[in-house]
Amino acid sequence: MFKWAYATGTGLAAILAVLAFVPAGAQSTEDAQFYGMAEIVLRDGDEILKSQTVHNRLVDSGEQFILNSVFKTSASAITEQTRIDTICLSSTDVGAANEDDLSGTYSQPVSGSAGDPCKEIGNEDVNTEVITPGPGEPGYGTATLGPIRWQNIEDIGETGFIRGALVCIATGDTAFDSCGDLGTLFAAVDTDDINPTGDETVDITYVFDISSPNN
């Protein structure tokens, strides 16, 4: 099971730099890396107020999703509609919740006044795709989801606290108000409490790394 790790940074470069460290429990620095991290950035316009890079917590359903995606198991084949594509904000302390609760019931989402606590890559307000560099390119062996931006008043609400982020799979045309409504929970990211005010925004970038050394 993956361990927690924390670092600070101000951009995607910070995430890729932190990914150079091998998770706790690895036998040596030559072992293959296989884990994810998220960067959460609080902004006021172009000014960065706070940036945090956090190791993810891959939950049981996420581990099973990987196995079902790679191997010919009894589960249904993975389709384009059932791939990882969504990040949800959570007002629940992700670090304090046990894994069974996260996998089975998910965390309560932040409630905004009009927007969506969950945002999917490729929809009308997140016009991008998961980035997977090719052989020989920087970041080869990683998948990058985001950055995805949430507006304070529209998506979070003036009294909303962000205490974590959930990486999920949107399996159909459902309300983007919780990971539980959407589909499979892949990973959970515990963050410091973030309470945006005014016109502040929150950007989240998630990177999953399966690279091996010297590739």
Foldseek 3Di string as FASTA:
>chain_A
DFDKDKDWDDDPVVVLVVQQDATPPDPDSQFWHWFKKKKKFKDDVPDTPGIMIMTWAFAPLQVVVVCQAPDVDPDDHDDPQFDFWKKAFALDQVVPDDRVCCFPPNGQGADAPADARMDGDCDPQRNDGWDADDPPDPPHQKTKHDQDKDWCRGYHNQAGKGFWMWTAGANDPDGRHGRVGGDGTGIITGDDIDRDHDGMMMTMMMMTGRGGPPD
